[in-house]
Amino acid sequence: MMSLGALLLAFLAYQLVVTNVWTARSQQAAETELAERFQAAAARVEVAETIPLLPESPAQDDPTLPQNPTLPQNPTATSSTQPVEAVRYVEPTPEEGAAFGRMEIPVIELDWVIFEGVDRATLKKGPGHMPWTPLPGQPGNAVISGHRTTYGAPFFKLDEVSIGDEIIVETALGRHVYEVREILIVKPTDVWVTDPKRGAWLTLTTCTPRYSAKDRLIIQAELVDGPNLLYAEAAKDLGAAGAS
């Protein structure tokens, strides 16, 4: 008969090994699903709204603003190549549990397919997006959660991320590049970290320390490149993209 200690060790081995194998298979299957999503959803990208840009707008005068060739050209752009309005592009909302994007954090060699939803079944497959927050690349505060030590441990090395590091999310809309602005450790009850924010933000959440659910490690990053960057900056100036 196995001792209690042996049973606990066996359970830990299951959590750290078997669940990782299960998640790896889920990620492989999600690659095909994601390719199909990109192909179908890219054709359904739409213009949701626009914000007129004033001549003195800093965003309008910035010659380094990125251009996404896969998106429709702004019909109101002038011959000087500077747009007179900021456009917000949207993609179809993914179904619960569906793969809809890929997230990379080069500094910790993270490269994972991400899913819609944060229920238990979805997070077993990989990082999940909180459905009540905007999708990555949209104005506001997009929130993604992931396991730290089980089910592939996608956020195992998240504590090694530093201020200024890049987080890249690719969706059917395009490539969205974020730069880390703040790193926090909060209590599980501190749900304010998911509140709306002005501009366009990405918030990552996971348990901390490793092998414990005592606290939450929070990484907050701001959009610095992507199809909706011009709109997010204009909306931030107008106070139109969420709470303070």
C-alpha atoms as a PDB file:
ATOM      1  CA  MET A   1       0.000   0.000   0.000  1.00  0.00           C
ATOM      2  CA  MET A   2       1.358   3.411  -1.017  1.00  0.00           C
ATOM      3  CA  SER A   3       2.056   5.979   1.679  1.00  0.00           C
ATOM      4  CA  LEU A   4       0.420   9.378   1.631  1.00  0.00           C
ATOM      5  CA  GLY A   5       3.715  10.941   0.595  1.00  0.00           C
ATOM      6  CA  ALA A   6       4.071   8.581  -2.345  1.00  0.00           C
ATOM      7  CA  LEU A   7       0.519   9.337  -3.453  1.00  0.00           C
ATOM      8  CA  LEU A   8       1.220  13.055  -3.360  1.00  0.00           C
ATOM      9  CA  LEU A   9       4.380  12.609  -5.413  1.00  0.00           C
ATOM     10  CA  ALA A  10       2.492  10.533  -7.963  1.00  0.00           C
ATOM     11  CA  PHE A  11      -0.203  13.197  -8.236  1.00  0.00           C
ATOM     12  CA  LEU A  12       2.428  15.909  -8.673  1.00  0.00           C
ATOM     13  CA  ALA A  13       4.096  13.887 -11.427  1.00  0.00           C
ATOM     14  CA  TYR A  14       0.738  13.608 -13.182  1.00  0.00           C
ATOM     15  CA  GLN A  15       0.151  17.352 -12.922  1.00  0.00           C
ATOM     16  CA  LEU A  16       3.590  18.289 -14.230  1.00  0.00           C
ATOM     17  CA  VAL A  17       4.082  15.643 -16.921  1.00  0.00           C
ATOM     18  CA  VAL A  18       0.811  14.163 -18.143  1.00  0.00           C
ATOM     19  CA  THR A  19      -1.037  17.483 -18.329  1.00  0.00           C
ATOM     20  CA  ASN A  20       1.865  19.000 -20.282  1.00  0.00           C
ATOM     21  CA  VAL A  21       1.648  16.218 -22.864  1.00  0.00           C
ATOM     22  CA  TRP A  22      -2.115  16.743 -23.174  1.00  0.00           C
ATOM     23  CA  THR A  23      -1.664  20.477 -23.735  1.00  0.00           C
ATOM     24  CA  ALA A  24       1.094  19.963 -26.305  1.00  0.00           C
ATOM     25  CA  ARG A  25      -1.282  17.836 -28.364  1.00  0.00           C
ATOM     26  CA  SER A  26      -3.988  20.495 -28.039  1.00  0.00           C
ATOM     27  CA  GLN A  27      -1.568  23.143 -29.304  1.00  0.00           C
ATOM     28  CA  GLN A  28      -0.665  21.016 -32.321  1.00  0.00           C
ATOM     29  CA  ALA A  29      -4.331  20.569 -33.199  1.00  0.00           C
ATOM     30  CA  ALA A  30      -4.913  24.296 -32.732  1.00  0.00           C
ATOM     31  CA  GLU A  31      -2.373  25.163 -35.437  1.00  0.00           C
ATOM     32  CA  THR A  32      -4.742  23.938 -38.147  1.00  0.00           C
ATOM     33  CA  GLU A  33      -7.711  25.606 -36.475  1.00  0.00           C
ATOM     34  CA  LEU A  34      -5.813  28.887 -36.283  1.00  0.00           C
ATOM     35  CA  ALA A  35      -4.822  28.817 -39.957  1.00  0.00           C
ATOM     36  CA  GLU A  36      -8.465  28.302 -40.917  1.00  0.00           C
ATOM     37  CA  ARG A  37      -9.513  31.139 -38.609  1.00  0.00           C
ATOM     38  CA  PHE A  38      -7.000  33.534 -40.155  1.00  0.00           C
ATOM     39  CA  GLN A  39      -8.091  32.690 -43.683  1.00  0.00           C
ATOM     40  CA  ALA A  40     -11.814  33.019 -42.988  1.00  0.00           C
ATOM     41  CA  ALA A  41     -11.752  35.977 -40.601  1.00  0.00           C
ATOM     42  CA  ALA A  42      -9.269  38.090 -42.572  1.00  0.00           C
ATOM     43  CA  ALA A  43     -11.843  38.389 -45.351  1.00  0.00           C
ATOM     44  CA  ARG A  44     -14.373  39.723 -42.831  1.00  0.00           C
ATOM     45  CA  VAL A  45     -12.304  42.511 -41.296  1.00  0.00           C
ATOM     46  CA  GLU A  46     -14.472  45.615 -41.066  1.00  0.00           C
ATOM     47  CA  VAL A  47     -14.183  49.300 -40.227  1.00  0.00           C
ATOM     48  CA  ALA A  48     -16.034  49.784 -36.943  1.00  0.00           C
ATOM     49  CA  GLU A  49     -15.627  53.529 -36.476  1.00  0.00           C
ATOM     50  CA  THR A  50     -13.406  56.488 -37.216  1.00  0.00           C
ATOM     51  CA  ILE A  51     -12.079  59.532 -35.378  1.00  0.00           C
ATOM     52  CA  PRO A  52     -11.264  62.734 -37.325  1.00  0.00           C
ATOM     53  CA  LEU A  53      -7.676  63.865 -36.884  1.00  0.00           C
ATOM     54  CA  LEU A  54      -7.054  67.576 -36.363  1.00  0.00           C
ATOM     55  CA  PRO A  55      -4.198  69.154 -38.357  1.00  0.00           C
ATOM     56  CA  GLU A  56      -2.235  69.744 -35.153  1.00  0.00           C
ATOM     57  CA  SER A  57      -2.745  66.156 -33.935  1.00  0.00           C
ATOM     58  CA  PRO A  58       0.643  64.649 -32.947  1.00  0.00           C
ATOM     59  CA  ALA A  59      -0.487  61.279 -34.293  1.00  0.00           C
ATOM     60  CA  GLN A  60      -1.195  62.768 -37.728  1.00  0.00           C
ATOM     61  CA  ASP A  61       2.225  64.439 -37.916  1.00  0.00           C
ATOM     62  CA  ASP A  62       4.131  61.260 -37.034  1.00  0.00           C
ATOM     63  CA  PRO A  63       5.766  59.891 -40.240  1.00  0.00           C
ATOM     64  CA  THR A  64       6.694  56.620 -38.526  1.00  0.00           C
ATOM     65  CA  LEU A  65       3.135  55.359 -38.054  1.00  0.00           C
ATOM     66  CA  PRO A  66       2.843  51.754 -39.307  1.00  0.00           C
ATOM     67  CA  GLN A  67       0.815  50.816 -42.369  1.00  0.00           C
ATOM     68  CA  ASN A  68      -0.838  47.407 -42.681  1.00  0.00           C
ATOM     69  CA  PRO A  69      -1.007  46.473 -46.394  1.00  0.00           C
ATOM     70  CA  THR A  70      -3.538  43.700 -45.759  1.00  0.00           C
ATOM     71  CA  LEU A  71      -6.180  46.133 -44.512  1.00  0.00           C
ATOM     72  CA  PRO A  72      -8.356  48.394 -46.695  1.00  0.00           C
ATOM     73  CA  GLN A  73      -6.736  51.707 -47.524  1.00  0.00           C
ATOM     74  CA  ASN A  74      -8.252  54.701 -45.755  1.00  0.00           C
ATOM     75  CA  PRO A  75     -10.503  56.311 -48.401  1.00  0.00           C
ATOM     76  CA  THR A  76     -10.132  59.724 -46.759  1.00  0.00           C
ATOM     77  CA  ALA A  77      -6.344  59.794 -46.829  1.00  0.00           C
ATOM     78  CA  THR A  78      -4.819  62.776 -48.613  1.00  0.00           C
ATOM     79  CA  SER A  79      -2.295  62.662 -51.428  1.00  0.00           C
ATOM     80  CA  SER A  80       0.384  63.564 -48.870  1.00  0.00           C
ATOM     81  CA  THR A  81      -0.075  60.033 -47.412  1.00  0.00           C
ATOM     82  CA  GLN A  82      -1.186  61.446 -44.051  1.00  0.00           C
ATOM     83  CA  PRO A  83      -4.671  60.223 -43.008  1.00  0.00           C
ATOM     84  CA  VAL A  84      -7.297  62.744 -41.961  1.00  0.00           C
ATOM     85  CA  GLU A  85      -9.079  60.248 -39.737  1.00  0.00           C
ATOM     86  CA  ALA A  86      -8.111  57.335 -37.515  1.00  0.00           C
ATOM     87  CA  VAL A  87      -9.811  54.044 -38.353  1.00  0.00           C
ATOM     88  CA  ARG A  88     -10.644  51.210 -35.948  1.00  0.00           C
ATOM     89  CA  TYR A  89     -10.650  47.814 -37.638  1.00  0.00           C
ATOM     90  CA  VAL A  90     -12.428  44.819 -36.114  1.00  0.00           C
ATOM     91  CA  GLU A  91     -12.417  41.090 -36.786  1.00  0.00           C
ATOM     92  CA  PRO A  92     -15.193  38.549 -36.138  1.00  0.00           C
ATOM     93  CA  THR A  93     -15.581  37.609 -32.467  1.00  0.00           C
ATOM     94  CA  PRO A  94     -14.184  34.088 -31.914  1.00  0.00           C
ATOM     95  CA  GLU A  95     -16.376  31.367 -30.468  1.00  0.00           C
ATOM     96  CA  GLU A  96     -15.840  30.257 -26.874  1.00  0.00           C
ATOM     97  CA  GLY A  97     -12.938  27.811 -26.708  1.00  0.00           C
ATOM     98  CA  ALA A  98     -11.743  28.543 -30.258  1.00  0.00           C
ATOM     99  CA  ALA A  99      -8.153  29.313 -31.240  1.00  0.00           C
ATOM    100  CA  PHE A 100      -7.980  32.877 -32.543  1.00  0.00           C
ATOM    101  CA  GLY A 101      -4.397  34.128 -32.253  1.00  0.00           C
ATOM    102  CA  ARG A 102      -0.757  33.531 -31.487  1.00  0.00           C
ATOM    103  CA  MET A 103       1.245  35.209 -28.738  1.00  0.00           C
ATOM    104  CA  GLU A 104       5.017  35.561 -28.630  1.00  0.00           C
ATOM    105  CA  ILE A 105       7.292  36.963 -25.933  1.00  0.00           C
ATOM    106  CA  PRO A 106      10.764  36.726 -27.493  1.00  0.00           C
ATOM    107  CA  VAL A 107      12.713  37.424 -24.287  1.00  0.00           C
ATOM    108  CA  ILE A 108      11.389  34.227 -22.658  1.00  0.00           C
ATOM    109  CA  GLU A 109      10.970  32.248 -25.918  1.00  0.00           C
ATOM    110  CA  LEU A 110       7.209  32.026 -25.428  1.00  0.00           C
ATOM    111  CA  ASP A 111       5.216  31.081 -28.547  1.00  0.00           C
ATOM    112  CA  TRP A 112       1.659  29.856 -27.941  1.00  0.00           C
ATOM    113  CA  VAL A 113      -1.668  29.652 -29.718  1.00  0.00           C
ATOM    114  CA  ILE A 114      -4.247  31.546 -27.647  1.00  0.00           C
ATOM    115  CA  PHE A 115      -7.920  30.721 -27.189  1.00  0.00           C
ATOM    116  CA  GLU A 116     -11.164  32.533 -26.468  1.00  0.00           C
ATOM    117  CA  GLY A 117     -12.300  31.969 -22.882  1.00  0.00           C
ATOM    118  CA  VAL A 118     -10.834  31.377 -19.437  1.00  0.00           C
ATOM    119  CA  ASP A 119     -12.921  28.424 -18.290  1.00  0.00           C
ATOM    120  CA  ARG A 120     -11.108  25.356 -17.014  1.00  0.00           C
ATOM    121  CA  ALA A 121     -11.403  23.377 -20.255  1.00  0.00           C
ATOM    122  CA  THR A 122     -10.058  26.223 -22.383  1.00  0.00           C
ATOM    123  CA  LEU A 123      -7.062  26.985 -20.167  1.00  0.00           C
ATOM    124  CA  LYS A 124      -6.025  23.334 -20.410  1.00  0.00           C
ATOM    125  CA  LYS A 125      -5.326  23.984 -24.114  1.00  0.00           C
ATOM    126  CA  GLY A 126      -3.294  27.159 -23.643  1.00  0.00           C
ATOM    127  CA  PRO A 127      -3.561  30.827 -22.657  1.00  0.00           C
ATOM    128  CA  GLY A 128      -7.123  32.154 -22.751  1.00  0.00           C
ATOM    129  CA  HIS A 129      -8.620  35.569 -23.462  1.00  0.00           C
ATOM    130  CA  MET A 130     -11.226  36.949 -21.046  1.00  0.00           C
ATOM    131  CA  PRO A 131     -14.303  37.336 -23.309  1.00  0.00           C
ATOM    132  CA  TRP A 132     -15.614  40.408 -21.475  1.00  0.00           C
ATOM    133  CA  THR A 133     -12.468  42.361 -22.403  1.00  0.00           C
ATOM    134  CA  PRO A 134     -11.520  43.639 -25.893  1.00  0.00           C
ATOM    135  CA  LEU A 135      -9.638  41.382 -28.272  1.00  0.00           C
ATOM    136  CA  PRO A 136      -5.894  42.036 -28.574  1.00  0.00           C
ATOM    137  CA  GLY A 137      -5.243  44.939 -30.912  1.00  0.00           C
ATOM    138  CA  GLN A 138      -8.418  46.774 -29.901  1.00  0.00           C
ATOM    139  CA  PRO A 139      -8.670  49.908 -27.736  1.00  0.00           C
ATOM    140  CA  GLY A 140      -9.106  49.198 -24.038  1.00  0.00           C
ATOM    141  CA  ASN A 141      -7.588  46.434 -21.930  1.00  0.00           C
ATOM    142  CA  ALA A 142      -7.340  42.954 -23.468  1.00  0.00           C
ATOM    143  CA  VAL A 143      -6.721  40.360 -20.740  1.00  0.00           C
ATOM    144  CA  ILE A 144      -5.125  36.937 -21.246  1.00  0.00           C
ATOM    145  CA  SER A 145      -4.644  34.334 -18.491  1.00  0.00           C
ATOM    146  CA  GLY A 146      -2.506  31.216 -18.480  1.00  0.00           C
ATOM    147  CA  HIS A 147      -1.250  28.394 -16.269  1.00  0.00           C
ATOM    148  CA  ARG A 148       2.107  28.787 -14.541  1.00  0.00           C
ATOM    149  CA  THR A 149       3.144  25.192 -13.792  1.00  0.00           C
ATOM    150  CA  THR A 150       0.635  22.746 -15.298  1.00  0.00           C
ATOM    151  CA  TYR A 151      -1.003  22.147 -18.686  1.00  0.00           C
ATOM    152  CA  GLY A 152       2.067  23.152 -20.630  1.00  0.00           C
ATOM    153  CA  ALA A 153       2.952  25.936 -18.173  1.00  0.00           C
ATOM    154  CA  PRO A 154       2.764  28.650 -20.845  1.00  0.00           C
ATOM    155  CA  PHE A 155       3.501  31.402 -18.307  1.00  0.00           C
ATOM    156  CA  PHE A 156       6.181  29.494 -16.365  1.00  0.00           C
ATOM    157  CA  LYS A 157       8.869  32.124 -17.063  1.00  0.00           C
ATOM    158  CA  LEU A 158       6.585  35.155 -17.054  1.00  0.00           C
ATOM    159  CA  ASP A 159       8.412  36.514 -13.991  1.00  0.00           C
ATOM    160  CA  GLU A 160      11.508  36.923 -16.180  1.00  0.00           C
ATOM    161  CA  VAL A 161       9.810  39.586 -18.316  1.00  0.00           C
ATOM    162  CA  SER A 162      11.065  43.144 -17.750  1.00  0.00           C
ATOM    163  CA  ILE A 163       9.825  46.664 -18.397  1.00  0.00           C
ATOM    164  CA  GLY A 164      10.323  47.505 -22.074  1.00  0.00           C
ATOM    165  CA  ASP A 165      10.136  43.904 -23.346  1.00  0.00           C
ATOM    166  CA  GLU A 166       7.978  43.195 -26.385  1.00  0.00           C
ATOM    167  CA  ILE A 167       4.850  41.049 -26.481  1.00  0.00           C
ATOM    168  CA  ILE A 168       3.555  40.220 -29.948  1.00  0.00           C
ATOM    169  CA  VAL A 169       0.034  39.005 -30.668  1.00  0.00           C
ATOM    170  CA  GLU A 170      -1.018  37.967 -34.165  1.00  0.00           C
ATOM    171  CA  THR A 171      -4.714  37.729 -35.013  1.00  0.00           C
ATOM    172  CA  ALA A 172      -6.756  37.732 -38.219  1.00  0.00           C
ATOM    173  CA  LEU A 173      -6.608  41.525 -38.041  1.00  0.00           C
ATOM    174  CA  GLY A 174      -2.816  41.613 -38.191  1.00  0.00           C
ATOM    175  CA  ARG A 175       0.243  41.832 -35.976  1.00  0.00           C
ATOM    176  CA  HIS A 176      -0.043  43.764 -32.707  1.00  0.00           C
ATOM    177  CA  VAL A 177       3.159  44.713 -30.871  1.00  0.00           C
ATOM    178  CA  TYR A 178       3.023  45.698 -27.203  1.00  0.00           C
ATOM    179  CA  GLU A 179       5.705  47.045 -24.887  1.00  0.00           C
ATOM    180  CA  VAL A 180       5.691  46.128 -21.190  1.00  0.00           C
ATOM    181  CA  ARG A 181       4.956  49.173 -19.027  1.00  0.00           C
ATOM    182  CA  GLU A 182       4.155  47.725 -15.586  1.00  0.00           C
ATOM    183  CA  ILE A 183       4.714  44.525 -13.579  1.00  0.00           C
ATOM    184  CA  LEU A 184       2.581  43.892 -10.497  1.00  0.00           C
ATOM    185  CA  ILE A 185       1.951  41.229  -7.864  1.00  0.00           C
ATOM    186  CA  VAL A 186      -1.598  41.415  -6.538  1.00  0.00           C
ATOM    187  CA  LYS A 187      -4.118  39.342  -4.613  1.00  0.00           C
ATOM    188  CA  PRO A 188      -6.580  37.100  -6.497  1.00  0.00           C
ATOM    189  CA  THR A 189      -9.350  39.485  -5.431  1.00  0.00           C
ATOM    190  CA  ASP A 190      -7.697  42.484  -7.129  1.00  0.00           C
ATOM    191  CA  VAL A 191      -9.806  42.237 -10.266  1.00  0.00           C
ATOM    192  CA  TRP A 192      -9.280  45.941 -10.985  1.00  0.00           C
ATOM    193  CA  VAL A 193      -6.294  44.914 -13.109  1.00  0.00           C
ATOM    194  CA  THR A 194      -8.813  43.858 -15.774  1.00  0.00           C
ATOM    195  CA  ASP A 195     -10.594  47.232 -15.794  1.00  0.00           C
ATOM    196  CA  PRO A 196     -10.781  49.257 -19.047  1.00  0.00           C
ATOM    197  CA  LYS A 197      -7.831  51.535 -19.843  1.00  0.00           C
ATOM    198  CA  ARG A 198      -7.386  54.460 -22.197  1.00  0.00           C
ATOM    199  CA  GLY A 199      -5.338  53.592 -25.240  1.00  0.00           C
ATOM    200  CA  ALA A 200      -4.770  49.951 -26.189  1.00  0.00           C
ATOM    201  CA  TRP A 201      -3.354  47.584 -23.572  1.00  0.00           C
ATOM    202  CA  LEU A 202      -2.625  43.907 -23.036  1.00  0.00           C
ATOM    203  CA  THR A 203      -2.742  42.449 -19.519  1.00  0.00           C
ATOM    204  CA  LEU A 204      -1.321  38.982 -18.767  1.00  0.00           C
ATOM    205  CA  THR A 205      -2.274  37.214 -15.539  1.00  0.00           C
ATOM    206  CA  THR A 206      -0.980  34.056 -13.880  1.00  0.00           C
ATOM    207  CA  CYS A 207      -0.455  32.564 -10.432  1.00  0.00           C
ATOM    208  CA  THR A 208       2.609  33.438  -8.367  1.00  0.00           C
ATOM    209  CA  PRO A 209       4.883  32.253  -6.886  1.00  0.00           C
ATOM    210  CA  ARG A 210       5.441  29.104  -8.925  1.00  0.00           C
ATOM    211  CA  TYR A 211       3.582  26.056  -7.623  1.00  0.00           C
ATOM    212  CA  SER A 212       1.294  28.321  -5.605  1.00  0.00           C
ATOM    213  CA  ALA A 213      -1.970  30.192  -6.202  1.00  0.00           C
ATOM    214  CA  LYS A 214      -1.396  32.634  -3.347  1.00  0.00           C
ATOM    215  CA  ASP A 215      -1.014  35.754  -5.521  1.00  0.00           C
ATOM    216  CA  ARG A 216      -1.259  36.879  -9.131  1.00  0.00           C
ATOM    217  CA  LEU A 217       1.561  38.081 -11.359  1.00  0.00           C
ATOM    218  CA  ILE A 218       0.342  40.842 -13.674  1.00  0.00           C
ATOM    219  CA  ILE A 219       2.107  42.101 -16.799  1.00  0.00           C
ATOM    220  CA  GLN A 220       0.621  45.205 -18.426  1.00  0.00           C
ATOM    221  CA  ALA A 221       1.849  46.260 -21.872  1.00  0.00           C
ATOM    222  CA  GLU A 222       0.857  49.110 -24.184  1.00  0.00           C
ATOM    223  CA  LEU A 223       0.271  48.834 -27.944  1.00  0.00           C
ATOM    224  CA  VAL A 224       3.162  50.400 -29.886  1.00  0.00           C
ATOM    225  CA  ASP A 225       2.517  48.983 -33.367  1.00  0.00           C
ATOM    226  CA  GLY A 226      -0.447  47.474 -35.189  1.00  0.00           C
ATOM    227  CA  PRO A 227      -3.444  48.193 -37.436  1.00  0.00           C
ATOM    228  CA  ASN A 228      -5.317  50.099 -34.711  1.00  0.00           C
ATOM    229  CA  LEU A 229      -2.419  52.080 -33.235  1.00  0.00           C
ATOM    230  CA  LEU A 230      -3.435  55.401 -34.802  1.00  0.00           C
ATOM    231  CA  TYR A 231      -7.024  54.985 -33.614  1.00  0.00           C
ATOM    232  CA  ALA A 232      -5.970  53.957 -30.091  1.00  0.00           C
ATOM    233  CA  GLU A 233      -3.747  57.020 -29.737  1.00  0.00           C
ATOM    234  CA  ALA A 234      -6.448  59.356 -31.046  1.00  0.00           C
ATOM    235  CA  ALA A 235      -9.084  57.783 -28.791  1.00  0.00           C
ATOM    236  CA  LYS A 236      -6.752  58.070 -25.805  1.00  0.00           C
ATOM    237  CA  ASP A 237      -6.377  61.798 -26.430  1.00  0.00           C
ATOM    238  CA  LEU A 238     -10.159  62.166 -26.619  1.00  0.00           C
ATOM    239  CA  GLY A 239     -10.797  59.948 -23.588  1.00  0.00           C
ATOM    240  CA  ALA A 240     -12.874  57.652 -25.794  1.00  0.00           C
ATOM    241  CA  ALA A 241     -11.193  54.310 -25.174  1.00  0.00           C
ATOM    242  CA  GLY A 242     -12.194  53.433 -21.642  1.00  0.00           C
ATOM    243  CA  ALA A 243     -11.583  54.385 -18.057  1.00  0.00           C
ATOM    244  CA  SER A 244      -8.723  56.405 -16.722  1.00  0.00           C
END
